[in-house]
Amino acid sequence: MNLTIISWRVAALAQKDESNPVDEKQVLEIDQMQKRLDMFDQRLDNIDSVVSAVVERVMKQPIVLNLTCSKCGQNIEIALIGTEKPRS
């Protein structure tokens, strides 16, 4: 459900209930909270886009990990090869 709809419903319900009047300060606090949630949602979308772009780049080329065994000293090479998914 959209946050705008929720805030308007809260304000409408508060206006109908005369025993609990909503003052201007509460309405402003609700609007401020809505703006903060919208900004947070935008940031999450941006983070998702950046992570997706990085993963796409990494998956286009192989990643090789070179490790040395702590017990025997032998070198171990682990190659991760990804395939790029076709774009839909």
N, C-alpha and C. Protein backbone atom coordinates (compact mmCIF):
# COMPACT_ATOMS: atom_id res chain seq x y z
N MET A 1 0.84 -1.18 0.00
CA MET A 1 0.00 0.00 0.00
C MET A 1 0.89 1.24 0.00
N ASN A 2 0.51 2.20 -0.74
CA ASN A 2 1.29 3.42 -0.87
C ASN A 2 1.23 4.23 0.43
N LEU A 3 2.38 4.81 0.79
CA LEU A 3 2.46 5.58 2.04
C LEU A 3 1.59 6.83 1.99
N THR A 4 1.41 7.40 0.82
CA THR A 4 0.56 8.59 0.70
C THR A 4 -0.87 8.25 1.07
N ILE A 5 -1.33 7.12 0.60
CA ILE A 5 -2.70 6.69 0.91
C ILE A 5 -2.86 6.47 2.41
N ILE A 6 -1.84 5.84 3.01
CA ILE A 6 -1.90 5.57 4.45
C ILE A 6 -1.97 6.87 5.24
N SER A 7 -1.12 7.84 4.90
CA SER A 7 -1.11 9.08 5.66
C SER A 7 -2.43 9.83 5.51
N TRP A 8 -3.02 9.81 4.33
CA TRP A 8 -4.30 10.49 4.14
C TRP A 8 -5.40 9.77 4.89
N ARG A 9 -5.34 8.44 4.95
CA ARG A 9 -6.35 7.69 5.70
C ARG A 9 -6.24 7.98 7.19
N VAL A 10 -5.01 8.05 7.68
CA VAL A 10 -4.81 8.35 9.10
C VAL A 10 -5.38 9.73 9.42
N ALA A 11 -5.09 10.69 8.55
CA ALA A 11 -5.59 12.05 8.77
C ALA A 11 -7.12 12.08 8.69
N ALA A 12 -7.70 11.35 7.74
CA ALA A 12 -9.16 11.33 7.60
C ALA A 12 -9.82 10.67 8.80
N LEU A 13 -9.26 9.56 9.26
CA LEU A 13 -9.82 8.88 10.43
C LEU A 13 -9.71 9.76 11.67
N ALA A 14 -8.61 10.47 11.79
CA ALA A 14 -8.44 11.34 12.95
C ALA A 14 -9.43 12.49 12.92
N GLN A 15 -9.75 12.99 11.73
CA GLN A 15 -10.70 14.08 11.64
C GLN A 15 -12.12 13.61 11.96
N LYS A 16 -12.45 12.36 11.60
CA LYS A 16 -13.77 11.83 11.89
C LYS A 16 -13.96 11.62 13.39
N ASP A 17 -12.89 11.22 14.06
CA ASP A 17 -12.96 10.95 15.49
C ASP A 17 -12.71 12.26 16.25
N GLU A 18 -13.78 12.91 16.68
CA GLU A 18 -13.63 14.21 17.33
C GLU A 18 -13.07 14.11 18.73
N SER A 19 -13.13 12.92 19.33
CA SER A 19 -12.59 12.77 20.68
C SER A 19 -11.06 12.75 20.67
N ASN A 20 -10.47 12.53 19.50
CA ASN A 20 -9.01 12.51 19.37
C ASN A 20 -8.61 13.42 18.22
N PRO A 21 -8.67 14.72 18.42
CA PRO A 21 -8.34 15.63 17.33
C PRO A 21 -6.83 15.58 17.00
N VAL A 22 -6.53 15.69 15.72
CA VAL A 22 -5.15 15.69 15.26
C VAL A 22 -4.72 17.13 15.08
N ASP A 23 -3.64 17.49 15.71
CA ASP A 23 -3.16 18.85 15.55
C ASP A 23 -2.20 18.92 14.37
N GLU A 24 -1.86 20.11 14.01
CA GLU A 24 -0.99 20.36 12.85
C GLU A 24 0.37 19.71 13.03
N LYS A 25 0.85 19.65 14.25
CA LYS A 25 2.17 19.06 14.52
C LYS A 25 2.19 17.58 14.16
N GLN A 26 1.14 16.85 14.50
CA GLN A 26 1.09 15.43 14.19
C GLN A 26 1.03 15.20 12.68
N VAL A 27 0.27 16.03 11.99
CA VAL A 27 0.18 15.90 10.53
C VAL A 27 1.55 16.14 9.91
N LEU A 28 2.28 17.15 10.39
CA LEU A 28 3.61 17.44 9.86
C LEU A 28 4.57 16.29 10.16
N GLU A 29 4.45 15.69 11.35
CA GLU A 29 5.31 14.55 11.69
C GLU A 29 5.05 13.37 10.77
N ILE A 30 3.78 13.13 10.46
CA ILE A 30 3.41 12.04 9.55
C ILE A 30 3.97 12.31 8.16
N ASP A 31 3.84 13.54 7.69
CA ASP A 31 4.38 13.90 6.37
C ASP A 31 5.90 13.75 6.34
N GLN A 32 6.56 14.17 7.41
CA GLN A 32 8.03 14.05 7.48
C GLN A 32 8.44 12.58 7.47
N MET A 33 7.72 11.74 8.20
CA MET A 33 8.03 10.32 8.23
C MET A 33 7.83 9.71 6.84
N GLN A 34 6.80 10.14 6.15
CA GLN A 34 6.53 9.64 4.80
C GLN A 34 7.68 10.03 3.86
N LYS A 35 8.15 11.26 3.96
CA LYS A 35 9.27 11.70 3.12
C LYS A 35 10.53 10.89 3.42
N ARG A 36 10.79 10.63 4.69
CA ARG A 36 11.97 9.84 5.06
C ARG A 36 11.88 8.41 4.53
N LEU A 37 10.71 7.82 4.61
CA LEU A 37 10.53 6.46 4.09
C LEU A 37 10.70 6.43 2.57
N ASP A 38 10.20 7.45 1.89
CA ASP A 38 10.39 7.53 0.44
C ASP A 38 11.87 7.67 0.08
N MET A 39 12.60 8.49 0.83
CA MET A 39 14.04 8.65 0.58
C MET A 39 14.78 7.34 0.85
N PHE A 40 14.40 6.64 1.91
CA PHE A 40 15.01 5.36 2.24
C PHE A 40 14.75 4.34 1.13
N ASP A 41 13.52 4.33 0.61
CA ASP A 41 13.18 3.43 -0.48
C ASP A 41 14.01 3.74 -1.72
N GLN A 42 14.21 5.02 -2.02
CA GLN A 42 15.05 5.41 -3.16
C GLN A 42 16.48 4.95 -2.97
N ARG A 43 17.01 5.11 -1.76
CA ARG A 43 18.38 4.67 -1.49
C ARG A 43 18.52 3.17 -1.67
N LEU A 44 17.56 2.41 -1.20
CA LEU A 44 17.61 0.95 -1.38
C LEU A 44 17.58 0.59 -2.87
N ASP A 45 16.76 1.28 -3.63
CA ASP A 45 16.73 1.04 -5.07
C ASP A 45 18.08 1.34 -5.72
N ASN A 46 18.71 2.44 -5.31
CA ASN A 46 20.02 2.80 -5.85
C ASN A 46 21.08 1.76 -5.47
N ILE A 47 21.05 1.29 -4.23
CA ILE A 47 22.00 0.27 -3.80
C ILE A 47 21.80 -1.00 -4.60
N ASP A 48 20.56 -1.37 -4.82
CA ASP A 48 20.25 -2.57 -5.61
C ASP A 48 20.80 -2.44 -7.02
N SER A 49 20.66 -1.27 -7.62
CA SER A 49 21.17 -1.05 -8.98
C SER A 49 22.69 -1.18 -9.03
N VAL A 50 23.37 -0.61 -8.05
CA VAL A 50 24.84 -0.67 -8.02
C VAL A 50 25.30 -2.11 -7.83
N VAL A 51 24.70 -2.82 -6.90
CA VAL A 51 25.09 -4.21 -6.65
C VAL A 51 24.84 -5.06 -7.89
N SER A 52 23.72 -4.85 -8.55
CA SER A 52 23.42 -5.60 -9.77
C SER A 52 24.45 -5.32 -10.86
N ALA A 53 24.86 -4.07 -11.02
CA ALA A 53 25.85 -3.72 -12.03
C ALA A 53 27.20 -4.38 -11.72
N VAL A 54 27.60 -4.38 -10.45
CA VAL A 54 28.86 -5.01 -10.06
C VAL A 54 28.82 -6.51 -10.32
N VAL A 55 27.72 -7.15 -9.97
CA VAL A 55 27.59 -8.59 -10.19
C VAL A 55 27.63 -8.91 -11.68
N GLU A 56 26.98 -8.10 -12.50
CA GLU A 56 27.02 -8.33 -13.94
C GLU A 56 28.44 -8.25 -14.47
N ARG A 57 29.21 -7.26 -14.01
CA ARG A 57 30.61 -7.14 -14.45
C ARG A 57 31.44 -8.34 -14.02
N VAL A 58 31.26 -8.75 -12.78
CA VAL A 58 32.04 -9.87 -12.26
C VAL A 58 31.70 -11.15 -13.00
N MET A 59 30.43 -11.34 -13.31
CA MET A 59 30.02 -12.58 -13.95
C MET A 59 30.48 -12.68 -15.39
N LYS A 60 30.92 -11.59 -15.99
CA LYS A 60 31.39 -11.62 -17.37
C LYS A 60 32.81 -12.18 -17.48
N GLN A 61 33.56 -12.20 -16.40
CA GLN A 61 34.94 -12.66 -16.44
C GLN A 61 35.20 -13.62 -15.30
N PRO A 62 36.12 -14.56 -15.51
CA PRO A 62 36.39 -15.54 -14.45
C PRO A 62 37.11 -14.91 -13.25
N ILE A 63 36.84 -15.47 -12.10
CA ILE A 63 37.52 -15.05 -10.87
C ILE A 63 38.37 -16.23 -10.42
N VAL A 64 39.64 -15.98 -10.14
CA VAL A 64 40.53 -17.05 -9.72
C VAL A 64 41.04 -16.74 -8.32
N LEU A 65 40.87 -17.69 -7.41
CA LEU A 65 41.37 -17.57 -6.05
C LEU A 65 42.55 -18.51 -5.89
N ASN A 66 43.68 -17.98 -5.46
CA ASN A 66 44.85 -18.81 -5.20
C ASN A 66 45.05 -18.89 -3.69
N LEU A 67 44.99 -20.10 -3.17
CA LEU A 67 45.14 -20.33 -1.74
C LEU A 67 46.31 -21.28 -1.49
N THR A 68 46.90 -21.17 -0.33
CA THR A 68 47.94 -22.10 0.07
C THR A 68 47.45 -22.88 1.27
N CYS A 69 47.55 -24.21 1.18
CA CYS A 69 47.10 -25.07 2.28
C CYS A 69 48.00 -24.83 3.49
N SER A 70 47.40 -24.64 4.64
CA SER A 70 48.17 -24.36 5.86
C SER A 70 48.85 -25.62 6.39
N LYS A 71 48.37 -26.81 6.03
CA LYS A 71 48.97 -28.06 6.52
C LYS A 71 50.11 -28.55 5.65
N CYS A 72 49.87 -28.60 4.32
CA CYS A 72 50.88 -29.19 3.44
C CYS A 72 51.62 -28.15 2.61
N GLY A 73 51.15 -26.93 2.54
CA GLY A 73 51.82 -25.88 1.78
C GLY A 73 51.53 -25.92 0.29
N GLN A 74 50.64 -26.79 -0.15
CA GLN A 74 50.32 -26.91 -1.57
C GLN A 74 49.44 -25.73 -2.01
N ASN A 75 49.73 -25.25 -3.22
CA ASN A 75 48.91 -24.17 -3.79
C ASN A 75 47.62 -24.74 -4.34
N ILE A 76 46.52 -24.06 -4.05
CA ILE A 76 45.21 -24.48 -4.52
C ILE A 76 44.63 -23.33 -5.34
N GLU A 77 44.20 -23.65 -6.54
CA GLU A 77 43.61 -22.64 -7.40
C GLU A 77 42.13 -22.96 -7.59
N ILE A 78 41.29 -21.98 -7.26
CA ILE A 78 39.84 -22.13 -7.41
C ILE A 78 39.38 -21.10 -8.43
N ALA A 79 38.79 -21.58 -9.51
CA ALA A 79 38.31 -20.68 -10.56
C ALA A 79 36.79 -20.65 -10.54
N LEU A 80 36.25 -19.47 -10.49
CA LEU A 80 34.79 -19.28 -10.57
C LEU A 80 34.49 -18.67 -11.93
N ILE A 81 33.71 -19.38 -12.70
CA ILE A 81 33.38 -18.90 -14.03
C ILE A 81 31.87 -18.68 -14.09
N GLY A 82 31.49 -17.47 -14.41
CA GLY A 82 30.08 -17.16 -14.50
C GLY A 82 29.69 -16.97 -15.96
N THR A 83 28.42 -17.10 -16.22
CA THR A 83 27.91 -16.84 -17.55
C THR A 83 26.93 -15.70 -17.45
N GLU A 84 26.96 -14.88 -18.43
CA GLU A 84 26.04 -13.74 -18.43
C GLU A 84 24.67 -14.21 -18.87
N LYS A 85 23.66 -13.85 -18.11
CA LYS A 85 22.29 -14.21 -18.45
C LYS A 85 21.84 -13.35 -19.63
N PRO A 86 21.10 -13.95 -20.54
CA PRO A 86 20.59 -13.13 -21.65
C PRO A 86 19.59 -12.11 -21.12
N ARG A 87 19.64 -10.94 -21.71
CA ARG A 87 18.73 -9.87 -21.26
C ARG A 87 17.32 -10.15 -21.75
N SER A 88 16.38 -9.91 -20.86
CA SER A 88 14.97 -10.18 -21.21
C SER A 88 14.37 -8.99 -21.90
